[in-house]
Amino acid sequence: MDGLTINEAAETTGWSPRMLRYLESVGLIQPPRTGSGYRKFGPEELQRLRTLRELLNRFDCGLSDIAFAARMREDEELKQAVDAWFEAAPRRPEGVASDDWLRWEQEKHQRLLGIAA
């Protein structure tokens, strides 16, 4: 199989080998493997890496943004949950007076942070 090793691809593209592994783990690239399991980067993968960098620069976003967008394309439940969050309007909880709402939200956040610690 023709192609570059991960170190050669890193040298060619400017991405580190560690970053190339990360990009593969989040599904942004899928280099084929040799029979012994080594990644081989061909022209398709090099083009994807170049255009990924262009996309990041053009829209001033990070890899996590692109990885999340990829997850949303593949996970319908996640997509629906994000869409619902954007569409939902904040509503004061039942039984909480409007002048107590801010304090109620603060206390709720503090309780949740206490549980997480």
PDB file of N, CA and C in Angstrom:
ATOM      1  N   MET A   1       0.848  -1.173   0.000  1.00  0.00           N
ATOM      2  CA  MET A   1       0.000   0.000   0.000  1.00  0.00           C
ATOM      3  C   MET A   1       0.894   1.237   0.000  1.00  0.00           C
ATOM      4  N   ASP A   2       0.698   2.122  -0.961  1.00  0.00           N
ATOM      5  CA  ASP A   2       1.462   3.356  -1.025  1.00  0.00           C
ATOM      6  C   ASP A   2       0.901   4.355  -0.025  1.00  0.00           C
ATOM      7  N   GLY A   3       1.788   5.143   0.531  1.00  0.00           N
ATOM      8  CA  GLY A   3       1.364   6.168   1.465  1.00  0.00           C
ATOM      9  C   GLY A   3       2.482   6.506   2.426  1.00  0.00           C
ATOM     10  N   LEU A   4       2.212   7.488   3.249  1.00  0.00           N
ATOM     11  CA  LEU A   4       3.181   7.959   4.228  1.00  0.00           C
ATOM     12  C   LEU A   4       2.903   7.337   5.585  1.00  0.00           C
ATOM     13  N   THR A   5       3.962   7.148   6.349  1.00  0.00           N
ATOM     14  CA  THR A   5       3.788   6.721   7.737  1.00  0.00           C
ATOM     15  C   THR A   5       3.239   7.900   8.518  1.00  0.00           C
ATOM     16  N   ILE A   6       2.849   7.669   9.744  1.00  0.00           N
ATOM     17  CA  ILE A   6       2.306   8.750  10.557  1.00  0.00           C
ATOM     18  C   ILE A   6       3.352   9.843  10.775  1.00  0.00           C
ATOM     19  N   ASN A   7       4.605   9.459  10.944  1.00  0.00           N
ATOM     20  CA  ASN A   7       5.658  10.468  11.136  1.00  0.00           C
ATOM     21  C   ASN A   7       5.904  11.262   9.854  1.00  0.00           C
ATOM     22  N   GLU A   8       5.873  10.604   8.726  1.00  0.00           N
ATOM     23  CA  GLU A   8       6.031  11.309   7.456  1.00  0.00           C
ATOM     24  C   GLU A   8       4.846  12.245   7.198  1.00  0.00           C
ATOM     25  N   ALA A   9       3.658  11.776   7.509  1.00  0.00           N
ATOM     26  CA  ALA A   9       2.467  12.612   7.334  1.00  0.00           C
ATOM     27  C   ALA A   9       2.522  13.819   8.265  1.00  0.00           C
ATOM     28  N   ALA A  10       2.996  13.613   9.483  1.00  0.00           N
ATOM     29  CA  ALA A  10       3.122  14.721  10.431  1.00  0.00           C
ATOM     30  C   ALA A  10       4.106  15.761   9.903  1.00  0.00           C
ATOM     31  N   GLU A  11       5.222  15.291   9.409  1.00  0.00           N
ATOM     32  CA  GLU A  11       6.236  16.193   8.868  1.00  0.00           C
ATOM     33  C   GLU A  11       5.699  16.960   7.659  1.00  0.00           C
ATOM     34  N   THR A  12       4.943  16.292   6.815  1.00  0.00           N
ATOM     35  CA  THR A  12       4.403  16.894   5.599  1.00  0.00           C
ATOM     36  C   THR A  12       3.321  17.927   5.907  1.00  0.00           C
ATOM     37  N   THR A  13       2.456  17.621   6.862  1.00  0.00           N
ATOM     38  CA  THR A  13       1.272  18.447   7.107  1.00  0.00           C
ATOM     39  C   THR A  13       1.437  19.478   8.211  1.00  0.00           C
ATOM     40  N   GLY A  14       2.402  19.277   9.095  1.00  0.00           N
ATOM     41  CA  GLY A  14       2.545  20.181  10.224  1.00  0.00           C
ATOM     42  C   GLY A  14       1.735  19.769  11.443  1.00  0.00           C
ATOM     43  N   TRP A  15       0.914  18.726  11.303  1.00  0.00           N
ATOM     44  CA  TRP A  15       0.197  18.177  12.463  1.00  0.00           C
ATOM     45  C   TRP A  15       1.161  17.213  13.152  1.00  0.00           C
ATOM     46  N   SER A  16       1.133  17.118  14.449  1.00  0.00           N
ATOM     47  CA  SER A  16       1.995  16.177  15.156  1.00  0.00           C
ATOM     48  C   SER A  16       1.415  14.761  15.019  1.00  0.00           C
ATOM     49  N   PRO A  17       2.256  13.728  15.208  1.00  0.00           N
ATOM     50  CA  PRO A  17       1.711  12.361  15.191  1.00  0.00           C
ATOM     51  C   PRO A  17       0.609  12.181  16.233  1.00  0.00           C
ATOM     52  N   ARG A  18       0.799  12.783  17.400  1.00  0.00           N
ATOM     53  CA  ARG A  18      -0.217  12.685  18.458  1.00  0.00           C
ATOM     54  C   ARG A  18      -1.535  13.298  17.981  1.00  0.00           C
ATOM     55  N   MET A  19      -1.467  14.453  17.306  1.00  0.00           N
ATOM     56  CA  MET A  19      -2.675  15.106  16.816  1.00  0.00           C
ATOM     57  C   MET A  19      -3.327  14.276  15.717  1.00  0.00           C
ATOM     58  N   LEU A  20      -2.523  13.658  14.866  1.00  0.00           N
ATOM     59  CA  LEU A  20      -3.089  12.800  13.820  1.00  0.00           C
ATOM     60  C   LEU A  20      -3.843  11.630  14.451  1.00  0.00           C
ATOM     61  N   ARG A  21      -3.311  11.078  15.530  1.00  0.00           N
ATOM     62  CA  ARG A  21      -4.018   9.988  16.230  1.00  0.00           C
ATOM     63  C   ARG A  21      -5.335  10.508  16.823  1.00  0.00           C
ATOM     64  N   TYR A  22      -5.283  11.715  17.394  1.00  0.00           N
ATOM     65  CA  TYR A  22      -6.497  12.318  17.963  1.00  0.00           C
ATOM     66  C   TYR A  22      -7.548  12.529  16.867  1.00  0.00           C
ATOM     67  N   LEU A  23      -7.127  13.086  15.738  1.00  0.00           N
ATOM     68  CA  LEU A  23      -8.059  13.336  14.640  1.00  0.00           C
ATOM     69  C   LEU A  23      -8.721  12.041  14.177  1.00  0.00           C
ATOM     70  N   GLU A  24      -7.945  10.968  14.193  1.00  0.00           N
ATOM     71  CA  GLU A  24      -8.515   9.666  13.840  1.00  0.00           C
ATOM     72  C   GLU A  24      -9.487   9.201  14.923  1.00  0.00           C
ATOM     73  N   SER A  25      -9.132   9.378  16.188  1.00  0.00           N
ATOM     74  CA  SER A  25      -9.981   8.886  17.279  1.00  0.00           C
ATOM     75  C   SER A  25     -11.339   9.580  17.329  1.00  0.00           C
ATOM     76  N   VAL A  26     -11.395  10.852  16.886  1.00  0.00           N
ATOM     77  CA  VAL A  26     -12.682  11.560  16.880  1.00  0.00           C
ATOM     78  C   VAL A  26     -13.381  11.448  15.530  1.00  0.00           C
ATOM     79  N   GLY A  27     -12.811  10.678  14.607  1.00  0.00           N
ATOM     80  CA  GLY A  27     -13.466  10.381  13.345  1.00  0.00           C
ATOM     81  C   GLY A  27     -13.311  11.433  12.260  1.00  0.00           C
ATOM     82  N   LEU A  28     -12.346  12.341  12.398  1.00  0.00           N
ATOM     83  CA  LEU A  28     -12.170  13.373  11.378  1.00  0.00           C
ATOM     84  C   LEU A  28     -11.330  12.897  10.201  1.00  0.00           C
ATOM     85  N   ILE A  29     -10.504  11.907  10.413  1.00  0.00           N
ATOM     86  CA  ILE A  29      -9.769  11.257   9.326  1.00  0.00           C
ATOM     87  C   ILE A  29      -9.815   9.756   9.578  1.00  0.00           C
ATOM     88  N   GLN A  30      -9.643   8.975   8.529  1.00  0.00           N
ATOM     89  CA  GLN A  30      -9.639   7.520   8.657  1.00  0.00           C
ATOM     90  C   GLN A  30      -8.569   6.932   7.760  1.00  0.00           C
ATOM     91  N   PRO A  31      -7.307   7.053   8.165  1.00  0.00           N
ATOM     92  CA  PRO A  31      -6.258   6.485   7.313  1.00  0.00           C
ATOM     93  C   PRO A  31      -6.356   4.958   7.295  1.00  0.00           C
ATOM     94  N   PRO A  32      -6.177   4.372   6.136  1.00  0.00           N
ATOM     95  CA  PRO A  32      -6.186   2.907   6.080  1.00  0.00           C
ATOM     96  C   PRO A  32      -4.985   2.350   6.834  1.00  0.00           C
ATOM     97  N   ARG A  33      -5.060   1.082   7.159  1.00  0.00           N
ATOM     98  CA  ARG A  33      -3.985   0.410   7.898  1.00  0.00           C
ATOM     99  C   ARG A  33      -3.347  -0.657   7.023  1.00  0.00           C
ATOM    100  N   THR A  34      -2.064  -0.877   7.281  1.00  0.00           N
ATOM    101  CA  THR A  34      -1.376  -1.982   6.619  1.00  0.00           C
ATOM    102  C   THR A  34      -1.807  -3.277   7.288  1.00  0.00           C
ATOM    103  N   GLY A  35      -1.396  -4.393   6.735  1.00  0.00           N
ATOM    104  CA  GLY A  35      -1.705  -5.687   7.336  1.00  0.00           C
ATOM    105  C   GLY A  35      -1.190  -5.812   8.756  1.00  0.00           C
ATOM    106  N   SER A  36      -0.103  -5.101   9.064  1.00  0.00           N
ATOM    107  CA  SER A  36       0.442  -5.159  10.424  1.00  0.00           C
ATOM    108  C   SER A  36      -0.071  -4.018  11.302  1.00  0.00           C
ATOM    109  N   GLY A  37      -1.051  -3.240  10.807  1.00  0.00           N
ATOM    110  CA  GLY A  37      -1.720  -2.263  11.653  1.00  0.00           C
ATOM    111  C   GLY A  37      -1.188  -0.838  11.597  1.00  0.00           C
ATOM    112  N   TYR A  38      -0.190  -0.589  10.765  1.00  0.00           N
ATOM    113  CA  TYR A  38       0.352   0.769  10.674  1.00  0.00           C
ATOM    114  C   TYR A  38      -0.560   1.643   9.818  1.00  0.00           C
ATOM    115  N   ARG A  39      -0.710   2.889  10.245  1.00  0.00           N
ATOM    116  CA  ARG A  39      -1.488   3.847   9.448  1.00  0.00           C
ATOM    117  C   ARG A  39      -0.694   4.223   8.208  1.00  0.00           C
ATOM    118  N   LYS A  40      -1.402   4.376   7.101  1.00  0.00           N
ATOM    119  CA  LYS A  40      -0.788   4.854   5.865  1.00  0.00           C
ATOM    120  C   LYS A  40      -1.602   6.041   5.366  1.00  0.00           C
ATOM    121  N   PHE A  41      -0.928   7.172   5.217  1.00  0.00           N
ATOM    122  CA  PHE A  41      -1.581   8.402   4.794  1.00  0.00           C
ATOM    123  C   PHE A  41      -1.333   8.613   3.310  1.00  0.00           C
ATOM    124  N   GLY A  42      -2.410   8.533   2.544  1.00  0.00           N
ATOM    125  CA  GLY A  42      -2.332   8.749   1.104  1.00  0.00           C
ATOM    126  C   GLY A  42      -2.772  10.163   0.754  1.00  0.00           C
ATOM    127  N   PRO A  43      -2.936  10.424  -0.542  1.00  0.00           N
ATOM    128  CA  PRO A  43      -3.330  11.771  -0.964  1.00  0.00           C
ATOM    129  C   PRO A  43      -4.696  12.196  -0.410  1.00  0.00           C
ATOM    130  N   GLU A  44      -5.603  11.230  -0.245  1.00  0.00           N
ATOM    131  CA  GLU A  44      -6.932  11.566   0.296  1.00  0.00           C
ATOM    132  C   GLU A  44      -6.818  12.113   1.710  1.00  0.00           C
ATOM    133  N   GLU A  45      -6.018  11.435   2.541  1.00  0.00           N
ATOM    134  CA  GLU A  45      -5.861  11.869   3.930  1.00  0.00           C
ATOM    135  C   GLU A  45      -5.124  13.205   4.008  1.00  0.00           C
ATOM    136  N   LEU A  46      -4.105  13.364   3.159  1.00  0.00           N
ATOM    137  CA  LEU A  46      -3.366  14.636   3.163  1.00  0.00           C
ATOM    138  C   LEU A  46      -4.284  15.785   2.749  1.00  0.00           C
ATOM    139  N   GLN A  47      -5.145  15.538   1.768  1.00  0.00           N
ATOM    140  CA  GLN A  47      -6.090  16.582   1.352  1.00  0.00           C
ATOM    141  C   GLN A  47      -7.054  16.913   2.486  1.00  0.00           C
ATOM    142  N   ARG A  48      -7.564  15.883   3.167  1.00  0.00           N
ATOM    143  CA  ARG A  48      -8.484  16.119   4.297  1.00  0.00           C
ATOM    144  C   ARG A  48      -7.797  16.942   5.380  1.00  0.00           C
ATOM    145  N   LEU A  49      -6.542  16.648   5.659  1.00  0.00           N
ATOM    146  CA  LEU A  49      -5.814  17.392   6.686  1.00  0.00           C
ATOM    147  C   LEU A  49      -5.599  18.848   6.264  1.00  0.00           C
ATOM    148  N   ARG A  50      -5.273  19.059   4.992  1.00  0.00           N
ATOM    149  CA  ARG A  50      -5.079  20.427   4.494  1.00  0.00           C
ATOM    150  C   ARG A  50      -6.383  21.210   4.550  1.00  0.00           C
ATOM    151  N   THR A  51      -7.463  20.593   4.070  1.00  0.00           N
ATOM    152  CA  THR A  51      -8.734  21.308   4.051  1.00  0.00           C
ATOM    153  C   THR A  51      -9.301  21.490   5.461  1.00  0.00           C
ATOM    154  N   LEU A  52      -8.975  20.588   6.383  1.00  0.00           N
ATOM    155  CA  LEU A  52      -9.376  20.766   7.777  1.00  0.00           C
ATOM    156  C   LEU A  52      -8.705  22.009   8.355  1.00  0.00           C
ATOM    157  N   ARG A  53      -7.414  22.143   8.119  1.00  0.00           N
ATOM    158  CA  ARG A  53      -6.701  23.334   8.610  1.00  0.00           C
ATOM    159  C   ARG A  53      -7.283  24.603   7.991  1.00  0.00           C
ATOM    160  N   GLU A  54      -7.606  24.562   6.699  1.00  0.00           N
ATOM    161  CA  GLU A  54      -8.219  25.716   6.035  1.00  0.00           C
ATOM    162  C   GLU A  54      -9.570  26.057   6.661  1.00  0.00           C
ATOM    163  N   LEU A  55     -10.357  25.035   6.958  1.00  0.00           N
ATOM    164  CA  LEU A  55     -11.668  25.231   7.580  1.00  0.00           C
ATOM    165  C   LEU A  55     -11.517  25.884   8.955  1.00  0.00           C
ATOM    166  N   LEU A  56     -10.589  25.373   9.749  1.00  0.00           N
ATOM    167  CA  LEU A  56     -10.353  25.929  11.080  1.00  0.00           C
ATOM    168  C   LEU A  56      -9.932  27.394  10.994  1.00  0.00           C
ATOM    169  N   ASN A  57      -9.048  27.697  10.069  1.00  0.00           N
ATOM    170  CA  ASN A  57      -8.568  29.079   9.919  1.00  0.00           C
ATOM    171  C   ASN A  57      -9.666  29.992   9.373  1.00  0.00           C
ATOM    172  N   ARG A  58     -10.385  29.506   8.389  1.00  0.00           N
ATOM    173  CA  ARG A  58     -11.411  30.345   7.751  1.00  0.00           C
ATOM    174  C   ARG A  58     -12.498  30.758   8.729  1.00  0.00           C
ATOM    175  N   PHE A  59     -12.915  29.823   9.582  1.00  0.00           N
ATOM    176  CA  PHE A  59     -14.023  30.108  10.488  1.00  0.00           C
ATOM    177  C   PHE A  59     -13.571  30.341  11.927  1.00  0.00           C
ATOM    178  N   ASP A  60     -12.251  30.417  12.139  1.00  0.00           N
ATOM    179  CA  ASP A  60     -11.694  30.694  13.465  1.00  0.00           C
ATOM    180  C   ASP A  60     -12.343  29.811  14.534  1.00  0.00           C
ATOM    181  N   CYS A  61     -12.296  28.509  14.290  1.00  0.00           N
ATOM    182  CA  CYS A  61     -12.857  27.575  15.254  1.00  0.00           C
ATOM    183  C   CYS A  61     -11.797  26.541  15.625  1.00  0.00           C
ATOM    184  N   GLY A  62     -12.102  25.734  16.601  1.00  0.00           N
ATOM    185  CA  GLY A  62     -11.160  24.731  17.073  1.00  0.00           C
ATOM    186  C   GLY A  62     -11.550  23.333  16.634  1.00  0.00           C
ATOM    187  N   LEU A  63     -10.624  22.425  16.821  1.00  0.00           N
ATOM    188  CA  LEU A  63     -10.884  21.024  16.473  1.00  0.00           C
ATOM    189  C   LEU A  63     -12.074  20.462  17.238  1.00  0.00           C
ATOM    190  N   SER A  64     -12.227  20.883  18.488  1.00  0.00           N
ATOM    191  CA  SER A  64     -13.354  20.376  19.267  1.00  0.00           C
ATOM    192  C   SER A  64     -14.680  20.798  18.645  1.00  0.00           C
ATOM    193  N   ASP A  65     -14.717  21.982  18.023  1.00  0.00           N
ATOM    194  CA  ASP A  65     -15.936  22.424  17.339  1.00  0.00           C
ATOM    195  C   ASP A  65     -16.266  21.498  16.170  1.00  0.00           C
ATOM    196  N   ILE A  66     -15.252  21.165  15.389  1.00  0.00           N
ATOM    197  CA  ILE A  66     -15.458  20.302  14.224  1.00  0.00           C
ATOM    198  C   ILE A  66     -15.808  18.877  14.684  1.00  0.00           C
ATOM    199  N   ALA A  67     -15.130  18.399  15.713  1.00  0.00           N
ATOM    200  CA  ALA A  67     -15.423  17.058  16.237  1.00  0.00           C
ATOM    201  C   ALA A  67     -16.859  16.992  16.755  1.00  0.00           C
ATOM    202  N   PHE A  68     -17.306  18.063  17.429  1.00  0.00           N
ATOM    203  CA  PHE A  68     -18.677  18.085  17.928  1.00  0.00           C
ATOM    204  C   PHE A  68     -19.674  18.114  16.774  1.00  0.00           C
ATOM    205  N   ALA A  69     -19.366  18.897  15.744  1.00  0.00           N
ATOM    206  CA  ALA A  69     -20.243  18.940  14.567  1.00  0.00           C
ATOM    207  C   ALA A  69     -20.339  17.557  13.930  1.00  0.00           C
ATOM    208  N   ALA A  70     -19.226  16.848  13.880  1.00  0.00           N
ATOM    209  CA  ALA A  70     -19.232  15.487  13.325  1.00  0.00           C
ATOM    210  C   ALA A  70     -20.109  14.565  14.174  1.00  0.00           C
ATOM    211  N   ARG A  71     -20.005  14.699  15.511  1.00  0.00           N
ATOM    212  CA  ARG A  71     -20.847  13.882  16.396  1.00  0.00           C
ATOM    213  C   ARG A  71     -22.324  14.177  16.170  1.00  0.00           C
ATOM    214  N   MET A  72     -22.649  15.455  15.979  1.00  0.00           N
ATOM    215  CA  MET A  72     -24.052  15.818  15.771  1.00  0.00           C
ATOM    216  C   MET A  72     -24.592  15.250  14.463  1.00  0.00           C
ATOM    217  N   ARG A  73     -23.731  15.137  13.469  1.00  0.00           N
ATOM    218  CA  ARG A  73     -24.171  14.576  12.183  1.00  0.00           C
ATOM    219  C   ARG A  73     -24.487  13.089  12.309  1.00  0.00           C
ATOM    220  N   GLU A  74     -23.829  12.413  13.247  1.00  0.00           N
ATOM    221  CA  GLU A  74     -23.982  10.960  13.370  1.00  0.00           C
ATOM    222  C   GLU A  74     -24.898  10.527  14.504  1.00  0.00           C
ATOM    223  N   ASP A  75     -25.133  11.404  15.472  1.00  0.00           N
ATOM    224  CA  ASP A  75     -25.929  11.034  16.646  1.00  0.00           C
ATOM    225  C   ASP A  75     -27.218  11.852  16.651  1.00  0.00           C
ATOM    226  N   GLU A  76     -28.278  11.250  16.171  1.00  0.00           N
ATOM    227  CA  GLU A  76     -29.558  11.961  16.037  1.00  0.00           C
ATOM    228  C   GLU A  76     -30.080  12.427  17.395  1.00  0.00           C
ATOM    229  N   GLU A  77     -29.894  11.634  18.434  1.00  0.00           N
ATOM    230  CA  GLU A  77     -30.364  12.033  19.771  1.00  0.00           C
ATOM    231  C   GLU A  77     -29.632  13.287  20.252  1.00  0.00           C
ATOM    232  N   LEU A  78     -28.322  13.340  20.023  1.00  0.00           N
ATOM    233  CA  LEU A  78     -27.546  14.524  20.392  1.00  0.00           C
ATOM    234  C   LEU A  78     -28.030  15.733  19.598  1.00  0.00           C
ATOM    235  N   LYS A  79     -28.227  15.555  18.303  1.00  0.00           N
ATOM    236  CA  LYS A  79     -28.700  16.658  17.452  1.00  0.00           C
ATOM    237  C   LYS A  79     -30.039  17.189  17.948  1.00  0.00           C
ATOM    238  N   GLN A  80     -30.951  16.297  18.278  1.00  0.00           N
ATOM    239  CA  GLN A  80     -32.263  16.716  18.764  1.00  0.00           C
ATOM    240  C   GLN A  80     -32.155  17.436  20.108  1.00  0.00           C
ATOM    241  N   ALA A  81     -31.270  16.957  20.978  1.00  0.00           N
ATOM    242  CA  ALA A  81     -31.099  17.598  22.280  1.00  0.00           C
ATOM    243  C   ALA A  81     -30.525  19.008  22.133  1.00  0.00           C
ATOM    244  N   VAL A  82     -29.569  19.180  21.254  1.00  0.00           N
ATOM    245  CA  VAL A  82     -28.989  20.508  21.022  1.00  0.00           C
ATOM    246  C   VAL A  82     -30.024  21.425  20.380  1.00  0.00           C
ATOM    247  N   ASP A  83     -30.746  20.925  19.398  1.00  0.00           N
ATOM    248  CA  ASP A  83     -31.800  21.731  18.770  1.00  0.00           C
ATOM    249  C   ASP A  83     -32.844  22.158  19.807  1.00  0.00           C
ATOM    250  N   ALA A  84     -33.248  21.244  20.669  1.00  0.00           N
ATOM    251  CA  ALA A  84     -34.239  21.556  21.699  1.00  0.00           C
ATOM    252  C   ALA A  84     -33.699  22.605  22.667  1.00  0.00           C
ATOM    253  N   TRP A  85     -32.422  22.517  23.012  1.00  0.00           N
ATOM    254  CA  TRP A  85     -31.820  23.501  23.924  1.00  0.00           C
ATOM    255  C   TRP A  85     -31.866  24.893  23.301  1.00  0.00           C
ATOM    256  N   PHE A  86     -31.514  24.997  22.001  1.00  0.00           N
ATOM    257  CA  PHE A  86     -31.543  26.292  21.325  1.00  0.00           C
ATOM    258  C   PHE A  86     -32.968  26.858  21.260  1.00  0.00           C
ATOM    259  N   GLU A  87     -33.943  25.996  21.081  1.00  0.00           N
ATOM    260  CA  GLU A  87     -35.325  26.446  20.926  1.00  0.00           C
ATOM    261  C   GLU A  87     -36.012  26.738  22.251  1.00  0.00           C
ATOM    262  N   ALA A  88     -35.521  26.170  23.338  1.00  0.00           N
ATOM    263  CA  ALA A  88     -36.174  26.326  24.642  1.00  0.00           C
ATOM    264  C   ALA A  88     -35.953  27.731  25.200  1.00  0.00           C
ATOM    265  N   ALA A  89     -37.035  28.309  25.669  1.00  0.00           N
ATOM    266  CA  ALA A  89     -36.947  29.612  26.334  1.00  0.00           C
ATOM    267  C   ALA A  89     -36.798  29.380  27.837  1.00  0.00           C
ATOM    268  N   PRO A  90     -35.975  30.165  28.500  1.00  0.00           N
ATOM    269  CA  PRO A  90     -35.870  30.025  29.959  1.00  0.00           C
ATOM    270  C   PRO A  90     -37.235  30.270  30.618  1.00  0.00           C
ATOM    271  N   ARG A  91     -37.549  29.445  31.601  1.00  0.00           N
ATOM    272  CA  ARG A  91     -38.825  29.584  32.317  1.00  0.00           C
ATOM    273  C   ARG A  91     -38.576  29.501  33.812  1.00  0.00           C
ATOM    274  N   ARG A  92     -39.216  30.379  34.507  1.00  0.00           N
ATOM    275  CA  ARG A  92     -39.115  30.384  35.964  1.00  0.00           C
ATOM    276  C   ARG A  92     -39.790  29.121  36.498  1.00  0.00           C
ATOM    277  N   PRO A  93     -39.105  28.413  37.401  1.00  0.00           N
ATOM    278  CA  PRO A  93     -39.698  27.193  37.972  1.00  0.00           C
ATOM    279  C   PRO A  93     -40.981  27.496  38.741  1.00  0.00           C
ATOM    280  N   GLU A  94     -41.879  26.541  38.722  1.00  0.00           N
ATOM    281  CA  GLU A  94     -43.129  26.687  39.475  1.00  0.00           C
ATOM    282  C   GLU A  94     -42.809  26.859  40.945  1.00  0.00           C
ATOM    283  N   GLY A  95     -43.536  27.746  41.582  1.00  0.00           N
ATOM    284  CA  GLY A  95     -43.373  27.953  43.014  1.00  0.00           C
ATOM    285  C   GLY A  95     -42.221  28.875  43.381  1.00  0.00           C
ATOM    286  N   VAL A  96     -41.530  29.420  42.397  1.00  0.00           N
ATOM    287  CA  VAL A  96     -40.426  30.347  42.674  1.00  0.00           C
ATOM    288  C   VAL A  96     -40.877  31.742  42.222  1.00  0.00           C
ATOM    289  N   ALA A  97     -40.888  32.667  43.162  1.00  0.00           N
ATOM    290  CA  ALA A  97     -41.294  34.037  42.839  1.00  0.00           C
ATOM    291  C   ALA A  97     -40.246  34.676  41.938  1.00  0.00           C
ATOM    292  N   SER A  98     -40.688  35.592  41.085  1.00  0.00           N
ATOM    293  CA  SER A  98     -39.763  36.199  40.118  1.00  0.00           C
ATOM    294  C   SER A  98     -38.596  36.899  40.812  1.00  0.00           C
ATOM    295  N   ASP A  99     -38.831  37.501  41.982  1.00  0.00           N
ATOM    296  CA  ASP A  99     -37.727  38.175  42.672  1.00  0.00           C
ATOM    297  C   ASP A  99     -36.810  37.197  43.409  1.00  0.00           C
ATOM    298  N   ASP A 100     -37.185  35.923  43.493  1.00  0.00           N
ATOM    299  CA  ASP A 100     -36.333  34.894  44.100  1.00  0.00           C
ATOM    300  C   ASP A 100     -35.636  34.012  43.069  1.00  0.00           C
ATOM    301  N   TRP A 101     -35.970  34.206  41.799  1.00  0.00           N
ATOM    302  CA  TRP A 101     -35.477  33.312  40.753  1.00  0.00           C
ATOM    303  C   TRP A 101     -33.961  33.322  40.666  1.00  0.00           C
ATOM    304  N   LEU A 102     -33.332  34.482  40.684  1.00  0.00           N
ATOM    305  CA  LEU A 102     -31.875  34.566  40.591  1.00  0.00           C
ATOM    306  C   LEU A 102     -31.214  33.804  41.744  1.00  0.00           C
ATOM    307  N   ARG A 103     -31.679  34.043  42.975  1.00  0.00           N
ATOM    308  CA  ARG A 103     -31.119  33.351  44.139  1.00  0.00           C
ATOM    309  C   ARG A 103     -31.330  31.844  44.012  1.00  0.00           C
ATOM    310  N   TRP A 104     -32.519  31.443  43.555  1.00  0.00           N
ATOM    311  CA  TRP A 104     -32.842  30.029  43.403  1.00  0.00           C
ATOM    312  C   TRP A 104     -31.881  29.361  42.414  1.00  0.00           C
ATOM    313  N   GLU A 105     -31.616  30.036  41.273  1.00  0.00           N
ATOM    314  CA  GLU A 105     -30.684  29.494  40.274  1.00  0.00           C
ATOM    315  C   GLU A 105     -29.269  29.421  40.830  1.00  0.00           C
ATOM    316  N   GLN A 106     -28.853  30.447  41.554  1.00  0.00           N
ATOM    317  CA  GLN A 106     -27.512  30.432  42.152  1.00  0.00           C
ATOM    318  C   GLN A 106     -27.364  29.260  43.110  1.00  0.00           C
ATOM    319  N   GLU A 107     -28.352  29.070  43.966  1.00  0.00           N
ATOM    320  CA  GLU A 107     -28.283  27.981  44.946  1.00  0.00           C
ATOM    321  C   GLU A 107     -28.287  26.620  44.257  1.00  0.00           C
ATOM    322  N   LYS A 108     -29.056  26.503  43.200  1.00  0.00           N
ATOM    323  CA  LYS A 108     -29.102  25.235  42.462  1.00  0.00           C
ATOM    324  C   LYS A 108     -27.725  24.930  41.861  1.00  0.00           C
ATOM    325  N   HIS A 109     -27.099  25.948  41.256  1.00  0.00           N
ATOM    326  CA  HIS A 109     -25.762  25.753  40.699  1.00  0.00           C
ATOM    327  C   HIS A 109     -24.769  25.365  41.791  1.00  0.00           C
ATOM    328  N   GLN A 110     -24.842  26.026  42.912  1.00  0.00           N
ATOM    329  CA  GLN A 110     -23.916  25.710  44.006  1.00  0.00           C
ATOM    330  C   GLN A 110     -24.110  24.284  44.503  1.00  0.00           C
ATOM    331  N   ARG A 111     -25.370  23.845  44.617  1.00  0.00           N
ATOM    332  CA  ARG A 111     -25.634  22.455  45.030  1.00  0.00           C
ATOM    333  C   ARG A 111     -25.066  21.473  43.999  1.00  0.00           C
ATOM    334  N   LEU A 112     -25.288  21.752  42.702  1.00  0.00           N
ATOM    335  CA  LEU A 112     -24.774  20.867  41.653  1.00  0.00           C
ATOM    336  C   LEU A 112     -23.256  20.836  41.647  1.00  0.00           C
ATOM    337  N   LEU A 113     -22.623  21.970  41.855  1.00  0.00           N
ATOM    338  CA  LEU A 113     -21.153  22.004  41.909  1.00  0.00           C
ATOM    339  C   LEU A 113     -20.644  21.253  43.141  1.00  0.00           C
ATOM    340  N   GLY A 114     -21.396  21.329  44.240  1.00  0.00           N
ATOM    341  CA  GLY A 114     -21.007  20.594  45.443  1.00  0.00           C
ATOM    342  C   GLY A 114     -21.077  19.094  45.240  1.00  0.00           C
ATOM    343  N   ILE A 115     -22.053  18.633  44.480  1.00  0.00           N
ATOM    344  CA  ILE A 115     -22.194  17.211  44.185  1.00  0.00           C
ATOM    345  C   ILE A 115     -21.047  16.736  43.301  1.00  0.00           C
ATOM    346  N   ALA A 116     -20.655  17.581  42.347  1.00  0.00           N
ATOM    347  CA  ALA A 116     -19.608  17.205  41.401  1.00  0.00           C
ATOM    348  C   ALA A 116     -18.228  17.185  42.053  1.00  0.00           C
ATOM    349  N   ALA A 117     -18.049  17.901  43.130  1.00  0.00           N
ATOM    350  CA  ALA A 117     -16.715  17.985  43.752  1.00  0.00           C
ATOM    351  C   ALA A 117     -16.356  16.773  44.539  1.00  0.00           C
TER     352      ALA A 117
END
